[in-house]
């Protein structure tokens, strides 16, 4: 059908989608893939198919994203992944086709009264972990709100029409009550993280490289495995780092430590990291940043993912 558009295509509005609801631990691989296939893979496939016709007409692609493509929320992780992916892909696409006369606009609606909740499938593993009863109640309440009491979708429709018909629309169009504020708060948190990251990396660089003392415990805190759940411990409790001489020693050591809940395991690294991998090793390999038996040195594990 797209091939028949000899005269070109003025606008493509990618509005198909659905939302999986549930904590990520209870979402199956198949359900997660289905979410990505519809909201991300299928959407980008349609864009690729329509680009020749859009190029001939100098058209516009209007991607229906979501505030969930900017802000992650508990219980919406699979949906967030699909919309975050759509936003990143659309940013790249806008750079690629802008010089060809094709515009790309992201519309980011908030919570509007639509049938998306009723049409989205329930996950099969609901409640299987026994860890999220309160979250499930919140999600049920939210779905009921979307179905009956959320904001009318008229202004979202207006935003889509404007994006498709009015030249000069900005790349992102957040729409809905409080959505602009939510995104501004997220941007502020990202900027704060950047500042904190620069300070953290600068203050820990010598220690990480094995050239300096452990950092002040008042300046850094990091996760330490305790049993099967991560807890927080001050940096002063951090053990010296060491090296494993081969991947078998590394893998066996990590597996035993994790099974025992050894609190000395402060991080697990899945390569690539510079080092040696046996030529016959084909699978992913995990290394623990901890002292190996009899070693007094500090540094990154030598064994890595091939």
C-alpha atoms as a PDB file:
ATOM      1  CA  UNK A   1       0.000   0.000   0.000  1.00  0.00           C
ATOM      2  CA  UNK A   2       2.833   2.404   0.839  1.00  0.00           C
ATOM      3  CA  UNK A   3       4.452   1.678  -2.543  1.00  0.00           C
ATOM      4  CA  UNK A   4       1.293   2.943  -4.248  1.00  0.00           C
ATOM      5  CA  UNK A   5       1.738   6.458  -2.828  1.00  0.00           C
ATOM      6  CA  UNK A   6       3.470   7.811  -5.914  1.00  0.00           C
ATOM      7  CA  UNK A   7       2.598  11.377  -5.055  1.00  0.00           C
ATOM      8  CA  UNK A   8       4.111  11.169  -1.612  1.00  0.00           C
ATOM      9  CA  UNK A   9       2.847  11.065   1.926  1.00  0.00           C
ATOM     10  CA  UNK A  10       2.254  14.243   3.904  1.00  0.00           C
ATOM     11  CA  UNK A  11       2.114  12.740   7.392  1.00  0.00           C
ATOM     12  CA  UNK A  12       2.557   9.478   9.230  1.00  0.00           C
ATOM     13  CA  UNK A  13       1.027   9.290  12.712  1.00  0.00           C
ATOM     14  CA  UNK A  14       2.344   6.268  14.609  1.00  0.00           C
ATOM     15  CA  UNK A  15      -0.364   5.786  17.204  1.00  0.00           C
ATOM     16  CA  UNK A  16      -0.572   2.005  17.532  1.00  0.00           C
ATOM     17  CA  UNK A  17       0.487   0.691  20.913  1.00  0.00           C
ATOM     18  CA  UNK A  18      -0.470  -0.923  24.173  1.00  0.00           C
ATOM     19  CA  UNK A  19       0.797  -0.979  27.723  1.00  0.00           C
ATOM     20  CA  UNK A  20       1.892  -3.915  29.843  1.00  0.00           C
ATOM     21  CA  UNK A  21       1.378  -3.228  33.527  1.00  0.00           C
ATOM     22  CA  UNK A  22       3.200  -5.050  36.295  1.00  0.00           C
ATOM     23  CA  UNK A  23       6.501  -5.157  38.185  1.00  0.00           C
ATOM     24  CA  UNK A  24       9.373  -6.189  35.946  1.00  0.00           C
ATOM     25  CA  UNK A  25      10.136  -9.227  38.096  1.00  0.00           C
ATOM     26  CA  UNK A  26       6.747 -10.693  37.191  1.00  0.00           C
ATOM     27  CA  UNK A  27       6.762  -9.795  33.487  1.00  0.00           C
ATOM     28  CA  UNK A  28       7.812 -12.749  31.329  1.00  0.00           C
ATOM     29  CA  UNK A  29      10.388 -12.530  28.536  1.00  0.00           C
ATOM     30  CA  UNK A  30       7.664 -13.139  25.957  1.00  0.00           C
ATOM     31  CA  UNK A  31       5.476 -10.366  27.373  1.00  0.00           C
ATOM     32  CA  UNK A  32       8.413  -7.967  27.449  1.00  0.00           C
ATOM     33  CA  UNK A  33       9.264  -8.772  23.834  1.00  0.00           C
ATOM     34  CA  UNK A  34       5.635  -8.279  22.774  1.00  0.00           C
ATOM     35  CA  UNK A  35       5.681  -4.830  24.339  1.00  0.00           C
ATOM     36  CA  UNK A  36       8.817  -3.855  22.450  1.00  0.00           C
ATOM     37  CA  UNK A  37       7.648  -5.422  19.187  1.00  0.00           C
ATOM     38  CA  UNK A  38       4.478  -3.338  19.025  1.00  0.00           C
ATOM     39  CA  UNK A  39       5.522  -0.042  20.591  1.00  0.00           C
ATOM     40  CA  UNK A  40       9.074   0.153  19.235  1.00  0.00           C
ATOM     41  CA  UNK A  41      10.028  -2.389  16.564  1.00  0.00           C
ATOM     42  CA  UNK A  42       6.735  -2.202  14.669  1.00  0.00           C
ATOM     43  CA  UNK A  43       6.614   1.584  14.872  1.00  0.00           C
ATOM     44  CA  UNK A  44      10.105   1.975  13.447  1.00  0.00           C
ATOM     45  CA  UNK A  45       9.369  -0.594  10.728  1.00  0.00           C
ATOM     46  CA  UNK A  46       6.417   1.532   9.622  1.00  0.00           C
ATOM     47  CA  UNK A  47       8.616   4.622   9.572  1.00  0.00           C
ATOM     48  CA  UNK A  48      11.159   2.888   7.356  1.00  0.00           C
ATOM     49  CA  UNK A  49       8.463   1.683   4.958  1.00  0.00           C
ATOM     50  CA  UNK A  50       6.965   5.169   4.632  1.00  0.00           C
ATOM     51  CA  UNK A  51      10.162   7.208   4.352  1.00  0.00           C
ATOM     52  CA  UNK A  52      10.415   7.172   0.524  1.00  0.00           C
ATOM     53  CA  UNK A  53       6.865   8.552   0.219  1.00  0.00           C
ATOM     54  CA  UNK A  54       7.420  11.032   3.060  1.00  0.00           C
ATOM     55  CA  UNK A  55      10.612  12.211   1.407  1.00  0.00           C
ATOM     56  CA  UNK A  56       8.830  12.904  -1.883  1.00  0.00           C
ATOM     57  CA  UNK A  57       6.231  15.072  -0.145  1.00  0.00           C
ATOM     58  CA  UNK A  58       8.451  16.687   2.461  1.00  0.00           C
ATOM     59  CA  UNK A  59       6.257  15.080   5.080  1.00  0.00           C
ATOM     60  CA  UNK A  60       6.291  14.630   8.834  1.00  0.00           C
ATOM     61  CA  UNK A  61       6.434  11.634  11.163  1.00  0.00           C
ATOM     62  CA  UNK A  62       4.437  12.094  14.353  1.00  0.00           C
ATOM     63  CA  UNK A  63       5.447   9.515  16.942  1.00  0.00           C
ATOM     64  CA  UNK A  64       3.013   9.016  19.804  1.00  0.00           C
ATOM     65  CA  UNK A  65       5.291   8.506  22.746  1.00  0.00           C
ATOM     66  CA  UNK A  66       4.338   9.212  26.361  1.00  0.00           C
ATOM     67  CA  UNK A  67       5.504  10.968  29.460  1.00  0.00           C
ATOM     68  CA  UNK A  68       6.517   7.358  30.210  1.00  0.00           C
ATOM     69  CA  UNK A  69       9.208   7.806  27.555  1.00  0.00           C
ATOM     70  CA  UNK A  70      10.811  10.427  29.772  1.00  0.00           C
ATOM     71  CA  UNK A  71       9.979   9.321  33.316  1.00  0.00           C
ATOM     72  CA  UNK A  72      10.115   5.732  34.563  1.00  0.00           C
ATOM     73  CA  UNK A  73       7.442   4.529  36.990  1.00  0.00           C
ATOM     74  CA  UNK A  74       7.196   1.417  39.134  1.00  0.00           C
ATOM     75  CA  UNK A  75       4.877  -1.131  37.573  1.00  0.00           C
ATOM     76  CA  UNK A  76       5.301   0.354  34.094  1.00  0.00           C
ATOM     77  CA  UNK A  77       8.838  -0.781  33.356  1.00  0.00           C
ATOM     78  CA  UNK A  78       8.084  -2.721  30.169  1.00  0.00           C
ATOM     79  CA  UNK A  79       6.032   0.160  28.797  1.00  0.00           C
ATOM     80  CA  UNK A  80       8.742   2.622  29.838  1.00  0.00           C
ATOM     81  CA  UNK A  81      11.356   0.549  28.018  1.00  0.00           C
ATOM     82  CA  UNK A  82       9.337   0.658  24.800  1.00  0.00           C
ATOM     83  CA  UNK A  83       8.744   4.404  24.991  1.00  0.00           C
ATOM     84  CA  UNK A  84      12.285   5.303  26.094  1.00  0.00           C
ATOM     85  CA  UNK A  85      13.462   3.250  23.112  1.00  0.00           C
ATOM     86  CA  UNK A  86      11.047   5.037  20.798  1.00  0.00           C
ATOM     87  CA  UNK A  87      12.327   8.407  21.959  1.00  0.00           C
ATOM     88  CA  UNK A  88      15.958   7.484  21.384  1.00  0.00           C
ATOM     89  CA  UNK A  89      15.258   5.980  17.973  1.00  0.00           C
ATOM     90  CA  UNK A  90      13.194   9.020  17.001  1.00  0.00           C
ATOM     91  CA  UNK A  91      15.971  11.396  18.041  1.00  0.00           C
ATOM     92  CA  UNK A  92      18.358   9.540  15.762  1.00  0.00           C
ATOM     93  CA  UNK A  93      15.803   9.402  12.959  1.00  0.00           C
ATOM     94  CA  UNK A  94      15.172  13.156  13.186  1.00  0.00           C
ATOM     95  CA  UNK A  95      18.890  13.807  12.690  1.00  0.00           C
ATOM     96  CA  UNK A  96      19.087  11.360   9.803  1.00  0.00           C
ATOM     97  CA  UNK A  97      16.140  12.612   7.750  1.00  0.00           C
ATOM     98  CA  UNK A  98      15.926  16.286   8.716  1.00  0.00           C
ATOM     99  CA  UNK A  99      18.243  17.318   5.895  1.00  0.00           C
ATOM    100  CA  UNK A 100      16.036  15.321   3.501  1.00  0.00           C
ATOM    101  CA  UNK A 101      13.014  17.468   4.248  1.00  0.00           C
ATOM    102  CA  UNK A 102      11.269  15.029   6.601  1.00  0.00           C
ATOM    103  CA  UNK A 103      10.318  16.265  10.066  1.00  0.00           C
ATOM    104  CA  UNK A 104       9.967  14.068  13.160  1.00  0.00           C
ATOM    105  CA  UNK A 105       7.862  15.135  16.144  1.00  0.00           C
ATOM    106  CA  UNK A 106       7.333  13.252  19.414  1.00  0.00           C
ATOM    107  CA  UNK A 107       4.011  13.795  21.162  1.00  0.00           C
ATOM    108  CA  UNK A 108       4.301  12.879  24.856  1.00  0.00           C
ATOM    109  CA  UNK A 109       0.824  12.552  26.378  1.00  0.00           C
ATOM    110  CA  UNK A 110       0.185  12.120  30.054  1.00  0.00           C
ATOM    111  CA  UNK A 111      -2.674  10.125  31.559  1.00  0.00           C
ATOM    112  CA  UNK A 112      -5.743  10.603  29.364  1.00  0.00           C
ATOM    113  CA  UNK A 113      -9.094   8.856  29.367  1.00  0.00           C
ATOM    114  CA  UNK A 114      -8.736   6.240  26.630  1.00  0.00           C
ATOM    115  CA  UNK A 115      -9.320   2.523  26.172  1.00  0.00           C
ATOM    116  CA  UNK A 116      -5.629   1.597  26.279  1.00  0.00           C
ATOM    117  CA  UNK A 117      -5.972   0.055  29.730  1.00  0.00           C
ATOM    118  CA  UNK A 118      -8.943  -2.120  28.758  1.00  0.00           C
ATOM    119  CA  UNK A 119      -7.257  -3.267  25.547  1.00  0.00           C
ATOM    120  CA  UNK A 120      -3.883  -4.115  27.080  1.00  0.00           C
ATOM    121  CA  UNK A 121      -3.406  -7.742  28.167  1.00  0.00           C
ATOM    122  CA  UNK A 122      -2.875  -8.680  31.798  1.00  0.00           C
ATOM    123  CA  UNK A 123       0.424 -10.365  32.552  1.00  0.00           C
ATOM    124  CA  UNK A 124       0.251 -14.065  33.340  1.00  0.00           C
ATOM    125  CA  UNK A 125       2.622 -13.939  36.298  1.00  0.00           C
ATOM    126  CA  UNK A 126       0.689 -11.436  38.379  1.00  0.00           C
ATOM    127  CA  UNK A 127       1.500 -11.882  42.059  1.00  0.00           C
ATOM    128  CA  UNK A 128       3.881 -14.749  41.368  1.00  0.00           C
ATOM    129  CA  UNK A 129       6.731 -13.279  43.378  1.00  0.00           C
ATOM    130  CA  UNK A 130       4.585 -12.396  46.381  1.00  0.00           C
ATOM    131  CA  UNK A 131       6.458  -9.103  46.708  1.00  0.00           C
ATOM    132  CA  UNK A 132       4.227  -6.480  45.116  1.00  0.00           C
ATOM    133  CA  UNK A 133       0.734  -6.588  46.630  1.00  0.00           C
ATOM    134  CA  UNK A 134       0.691  -2.869  47.446  1.00  0.00           C
ATOM    135  CA  UNK A 135       2.028  -1.958  44.009  1.00  0.00           C
ATOM    136  CA  UNK A 136      -0.614  -4.061  42.298  1.00  0.00           C
ATOM    137  CA  UNK A 137      -3.324  -2.239  44.239  1.00  0.00           C
ATOM    138  CA  UNK A 138      -1.872   1.082  43.095  1.00  0.00           C
ATOM    139  CA  UNK A 139      -1.769  -0.161  39.498  1.00  0.00           C
ATOM    140  CA  UNK A 140      -5.376  -1.355  39.632  1.00  0.00           C
ATOM    141  CA  UNK A 141      -6.430   2.047  40.932  1.00  0.00           C
ATOM    142  CA  UNK A 142      -4.454   3.763  38.177  1.00  0.00           C
ATOM    143  CA  UNK A 143      -6.047   1.639  35.443  1.00  0.00           C
ATOM    144  CA  UNK A 144      -9.492   2.427  36.828  1.00  0.00           C
ATOM    145  CA  UNK A 145      -8.604   6.114  36.795  1.00  0.00           C
ATOM    146  CA  UNK A 146      -7.513   5.917  33.133  1.00  0.00           C
ATOM    147  CA  UNK A 147     -10.737   4.218  32.168  1.00  0.00           C
ATOM    148  CA  UNK A 148     -13.143   6.570  33.925  1.00  0.00           C
ATOM    149  CA  UNK A 149     -11.712   9.692  35.515  1.00  0.00           C
ATOM    150  CA  UNK A 150      -8.561  10.760  33.679  1.00  0.00           C
ATOM    151  CA  UNK A 151      -8.276  13.955  31.678  1.00  0.00           C
ATOM    152  CA  UNK A 152     -10.231  14.160  28.428  1.00  0.00           C
ATOM    153  CA  UNK A 153      -8.023  13.335  25.444  1.00  0.00           C
ATOM    154  CA  UNK A 154      -9.117  16.274  23.291  1.00  0.00           C
ATOM    155  CA  UNK A 155      -5.995  18.336  23.969  1.00  0.00           C
ATOM    156  CA  UNK A 156      -3.805  15.358  23.101  1.00  0.00           C
ATOM    157  CA  UNK A 157      -5.623  15.010  19.782  1.00  0.00           C
ATOM    158  CA  UNK A 158      -5.133  18.734  19.171  1.00  0.00           C
ATOM    159  CA  UNK A 159      -1.408  18.314  19.798  1.00  0.00           C
ATOM    160  CA  UNK A 160      -1.198  15.454  17.275  1.00  0.00           C
ATOM    161  CA  UNK A 161      -3.043  17.455  14.612  1.00  0.00           C
ATOM    162  CA  UNK A 162      -0.823  20.489  15.241  1.00  0.00           C
ATOM    163  CA  UNK A 163       2.329  18.361  15.016  1.00  0.00           C
ATOM    164  CA  UNK A 164       1.187  16.958  11.677  1.00  0.00           C
ATOM    165  CA  UNK A 165      -0.059  20.170  10.082  1.00  0.00           C
ATOM    166  CA  UNK A 166       1.833  23.145  11.511  1.00  0.00           C
ATOM    167  CA  UNK A 167       5.451  23.642  10.381  1.00  0.00           C
ATOM    168  CA  UNK A 168       7.957  24.515  13.064  1.00  0.00           C
ATOM    169  CA  UNK A 169       6.642  22.278  15.821  1.00  0.00           C
ATOM    170  CA  UNK A 170       9.340  21.460  18.403  1.00  0.00           C
ATOM    171  CA  UNK A 171      10.748  17.953  18.414  1.00  0.00           C
ATOM    172  CA  UNK A 172       8.962  17.124  21.696  1.00  0.00           C
ATOM    173  CA  UNK A 173       5.381  18.069  22.535  1.00  0.00           C
ATOM    174  CA  UNK A 174       4.544  17.139  26.150  1.00  0.00           C
ATOM    175  CA  UNK A 175       0.812  17.427  26.644  1.00  0.00           C
ATOM    176  CA  UNK A 176      -1.455  17.027  29.662  1.00  0.00           C
ATOM    177  CA  UNK A 177      -1.894  18.450  33.132  1.00  0.00           C
ATOM    178  CA  UNK A 178       1.399  18.575  35.007  1.00  0.00           C
ATOM    179  CA  UNK A 179       3.347  16.762  32.280  1.00  0.00           C
ATOM    180  CA  UNK A 180       5.678  19.666  31.606  1.00  0.00           C
ATOM    181  CA  UNK A 181       6.459  19.874  35.321  1.00  0.00           C
ATOM    182  CA  UNK A 182       7.114  16.120  35.534  1.00  0.00           C
ATOM    183  CA  UNK A 183       9.614  16.299  32.676  1.00  0.00           C
ATOM    184  CA  UNK A 184      11.311  19.386  34.137  1.00  0.00           C
ATOM    185  CA  UNK A 185      11.718  17.528  37.440  1.00  0.00           C
ATOM    186  CA  UNK A 186      13.237  14.572  35.593  1.00  0.00           C
ATOM    187  CA  UNK A 187      15.676  16.824  33.727  1.00  0.00           C
ATOM    188  CA  UNK A 188      16.687  18.450  37.012  1.00  0.00           C
ATOM    189  CA  UNK A 189      17.374  15.005  38.513  1.00  0.00           C
ATOM    190  CA  UNK A 190      19.472  14.009  35.498  1.00  0.00           C
ATOM    191  CA  UNK A 191      21.545  17.173  35.805  1.00  0.00           C
ATOM    192  CA  UNK A 192      22.004  16.518  39.521  1.00  0.00           C
ATOM    193  CA  UNK A 193      23.126  12.968  38.717  1.00  0.00           C
ATOM    194  CA  UNK A 194      25.681  14.317  36.230  1.00  0.00           C
ATOM    195  CA  UNK A 195      27.107  16.656  38.872  1.00  0.00           C
ATOM    196  CA  UNK A 196      27.163  13.857  41.459  1.00  0.00           C
ATOM    197  CA  UNK A 197      28.775  11.450  38.982  1.00  0.00           C
ATOM    198  CA  UNK A 198      31.585  13.863  38.172  1.00  0.00           C
ATOM    199  CA  UNK A 199      32.317  14.370  41.866  1.00  0.00           C
ATOM    200  CA  UNK A 200      32.053  10.643  42.630  1.00  0.00           C
ATOM    201  CA  UNK A 201      34.376   9.563  39.826  1.00  0.00           C
ATOM    202  CA  UNK A 202      36.930  12.234  40.626  1.00  0.00           C
ATOM    203  CA  UNK A 203      37.009  11.358  44.333  1.00  0.00           C
ATOM    204  CA  UNK A 204      37.297   7.591  43.722  1.00  0.00           C
ATOM    205  CA  UNK A 205      39.625   7.477  40.710  1.00  0.00           C
ATOM    206  CA  UNK A 206      42.852   6.787  42.613  1.00  0.00           C
ATOM    207  CA  UNK A 207      41.253   4.083  44.767  1.00  0.00           C
ATOM    208  CA  UNK A 208      39.671   2.330  41.799  1.00  0.00           C
ATOM    209  CA  UNK A 209      43.061   2.223  40.080  1.00  0.00           C
ATOM    210  CA  UNK A 210      44.728   0.869  43.215  1.00  0.00           C
ATOM    211  CA  UNK A 211      46.821   3.993  43.805  1.00  0.00           C
ATOM    212  CA  UNK A 212      45.129   5.514  46.795  1.00  0.00           C
ATOM    213  CA  UNK A 213      43.364   4.880  50.123  1.00  0.00           C
ATOM    214  CA  UNK A 214      39.736   3.958  50.490  1.00  0.00           C
ATOM    215  CA  UNK A 215      37.485   7.013  50.165  1.00  0.00           C
ATOM    216  CA  UNK A 216      35.968   8.736  53.149  1.00  0.00           C
ATOM    217  CA  UNK A 217      32.941   6.622  54.179  1.00  0.00           C
ATOM    218  CA  UNK A 218      31.011   9.822  54.625  1.00  0.00           C
ATOM    219  CA  UNK A 219      31.400  10.627  50.924  1.00  0.00           C
ATOM    220  CA  UNK A 220      30.364   7.370  49.296  1.00  0.00           C
ATOM    221  CA  UNK A 221      27.997   4.506  49.867  1.00  0.00           C
ATOM    222  CA  UNK A 222      27.652   1.480  47.675  1.00  0.00           C
ATOM    223  CA  UNK A 223      25.658  -1.774  47.527  1.00  0.00           C
ATOM    224  CA  UNK A 224      26.954  -4.895  49.196  1.00  0.00           C
ATOM    225  CA  UNK A 225      25.253  -8.249  48.748  1.00  0.00           C
ATOM    226  CA  UNK A 226      23.776  -9.587  51.960  1.00  0.00           C
ATOM    227  CA  UNK A 227      21.866 -12.802  51.538  1.00  0.00           C
ATOM    228  CA  UNK A 228      19.835 -12.542  48.354  1.00  0.00           C
ATOM    229  CA  UNK A 229      18.927  -8.858  48.618  1.00  0.00           C
ATOM    230  CA  UNK A 230      21.181  -5.823  48.113  1.00  0.00           C
ATOM    231  CA  UNK A 231      21.730  -3.646  51.152  1.00  0.00           C
ATOM    232  CA  UNK A 232      23.781  -0.523  51.705  1.00  0.00           C
ATOM    233  CA  UNK A 233      27.081  -0.383  53.558  1.00  0.00           C
ATOM    234  CA  UNK A 234      29.561   2.448  54.037  1.00  0.00           C
ATOM    235  CA  UNK A 235      32.657   2.580  51.866  1.00  0.00           C
ATOM    236  CA  UNK A 236      34.834   1.798  54.873  1.00  0.00           C
ATOM    237  CA  UNK A 237      33.400  -1.743  54.815  1.00  0.00           C
ATOM    238  CA  UNK A 238      34.591  -2.224  51.248  1.00  0.00           C
ATOM    239  CA  UNK A 239      37.136  -5.058  50.958  1.00  0.00           C
ATOM    240  CA  UNK A 240      40.356  -4.736  48.994  1.00  0.00           C
ATOM    241  CA  UNK A 241      39.857  -5.605  45.373  1.00  0.00           C
ATOM    242  CA  UNK A 242      41.757  -8.426  43.745  1.00  0.00           C
ATOM    243  CA  UNK A 243      42.205 -10.418  40.610  1.00  0.00           C
ATOM    244  CA  UNK A 244      41.245 -13.869  39.477  1.00  0.00           C
ATOM    245  CA  UNK A 245      43.814 -15.679  37.386  1.00  0.00           C
ATOM    246  CA  UNK A 246      41.373 -17.517  35.146  1.00  0.00           C
ATOM    247  CA  UNK A 247      37.696 -17.575  34.312  1.00  0.00           C
ATOM    248  CA  UNK A 248      37.008 -20.898  36.063  1.00  0.00           C
ATOM    249  CA  UNK A 249      38.324 -19.573  39.372  1.00  0.00           C
ATOM    250  CA  UNK A 250      36.360 -16.384  38.868  1.00  0.00           C
ATOM    251  CA  UNK A 251      33.064 -18.058  37.994  1.00  0.00           C
ATOM    252  CA  UNK A 252      33.263 -20.657  40.736  1.00  0.00           C
ATOM    253  CA  UNK A 253      34.230 -18.057  43.306  1.00  0.00           C
ATOM    254  CA  UNK A 254      31.394 -15.743  42.398  1.00  0.00           C
ATOM    255  CA  UNK A 255      28.819 -18.521  42.282  1.00  0.00           C
ATOM    256  CA  UNK A 256      29.831 -19.832  45.714  1.00  0.00           C
ATOM    257  CA  UNK A 257      29.894 -16.355  47.233  1.00  0.00           C
ATOM    258  CA  UNK A 258      26.476 -15.460  45.848  1.00  0.00           C
ATOM    259  CA  UNK A 259      24.957 -18.707  47.074  1.00  0.00           C
ATOM    260  CA  UNK A 260      26.368 -18.074  50.541  1.00  0.00           C
ATOM    261  CA  UNK A 261      25.350 -14.421  50.517  1.00  0.00           C
ATOM    262  CA  UNK A 262      28.975 -13.438  51.113  1.00  0.00           C
ATOM    263  CA  UNK A 263      28.910  -9.713  52.001  1.00  0.00           C
ATOM    264  CA  UNK A 264      32.449  -9.282  50.638  1.00  0.00           C
ATOM    265  CA  UNK A 265      31.121  -9.409  47.080  1.00  0.00           C
ATOM    266  CA  UNK A 266      30.667  -5.712  46.428  1.00  0.00           C
ATOM    267  CA  UNK A 267      29.969  -5.818  42.694  1.00  0.00           C
ATOM    268  CA  UNK A 268      29.515  -8.182  39.810  1.00  0.00           C
ATOM    269  CA  UNK A 269      30.940  -7.172  36.459  1.00  0.00           C
ATOM    270  CA  UNK A 270      29.761  -8.610  33.168  1.00  0.00           C
ATOM    271  CA  UNK A 271      32.492  -7.715  30.581  1.00  0.00           C
ATOM    272  CA  UNK A 272      33.915  -6.482  28.450  1.00  0.00           C
ATOM    273  CA  UNK A 273      36.961  -5.619  30.553  1.00  0.00           C
ATOM    274  CA  UNK A 274      40.524  -5.915  29.280  1.00  0.00           C
ATOM    275  CA  UNK A 275      42.013  -9.287  30.131  1.00  0.00           C
ATOM    276  CA  UNK A 276      42.367 -12.915  29.149  1.00  0.00           C
ATOM    277  CA  UNK A 277      39.636 -15.261  27.972  1.00  0.00           C
ATOM    278  CA  UNK A 278      40.401 -18.881  27.067  1.00  0.00           C
ATOM    279  CA  UNK A 279      40.017 -19.538  23.337  1.00  0.00           C
ATOM    280  CA  UNK A 280      37.405 -22.250  23.879  1.00  0.00           C
ATOM    281  CA  UNK A 281      35.135 -20.043  26.044  1.00  0.00           C
ATOM    282  CA  UNK A 282      31.935 -19.101  24.182  1.00  0.00           C
ATOM    283  CA  UNK A 283      29.412 -17.935  26.778  1.00  0.00           C
ATOM    284  CA  UNK A 284      29.011 -14.824  28.917  1.00  0.00           C
ATOM    285  CA  UNK A 285      31.243 -14.758  31.978  1.00  0.00           C
ATOM    286  CA  UNK A 286      30.711 -12.979  35.270  1.00  0.00           C
ATOM    287  CA  UNK A 287      33.518 -11.733  37.505  1.00  0.00           C
ATOM    288  CA  UNK A 288      33.428 -10.621  41.107  1.00  0.00           C
ATOM    289  CA  UNK A 289      35.425  -7.623  42.260  1.00  0.00           C
ATOM    290  CA  UNK A 290      36.922  -9.173  45.395  1.00  0.00           C
ATOM    291  CA  UNK A 291      40.245 -10.418  46.661  1.00  0.00           C
ATOM    292  CA  UNK A 292      41.209 -13.782  45.238  1.00  0.00           C
ATOM    293  CA  UNK A 293      42.792 -16.342  47.574  1.00  0.00           C
ATOM    294  CA  UNK A 294      46.344 -15.397  48.507  1.00  0.00           C
ATOM    295  CA  UNK A 295      46.358 -12.161  46.502  1.00  0.00           C
ATOM    296  CA  UNK A 296      47.350  -8.843  48.022  1.00  0.00           C
ATOM    297  CA  UNK A 297      46.895  -6.730  44.894  1.00  0.00           C
ATOM    298  CA  UNK A 298      43.976  -4.540  43.896  1.00  0.00           C
ATOM    299  CA  UNK A 299      42.520  -4.100  40.433  1.00  0.00           C
ATOM    300  CA  UNK A 300      39.967  -5.289  37.921  1.00  0.00           C
ATOM    301  CA  UNK A 301      39.481  -9.014  37.333  1.00  0.00           C
ATOM    302  CA  UNK A 302      41.494 -10.363  34.443  1.00  0.00           C
ATOM    303  CA  UNK A 303      38.740 -12.666  33.250  1.00  0.00           C
ATOM    304  CA  UNK A 304      36.069 -11.057  31.123  1.00  0.00           C
ATOM    305  CA  UNK A 305      33.180 -11.639  28.756  1.00  0.00           C
ATOM    306  CA  UNK A 306      34.476 -12.793  25.433  1.00  0.00           C
END
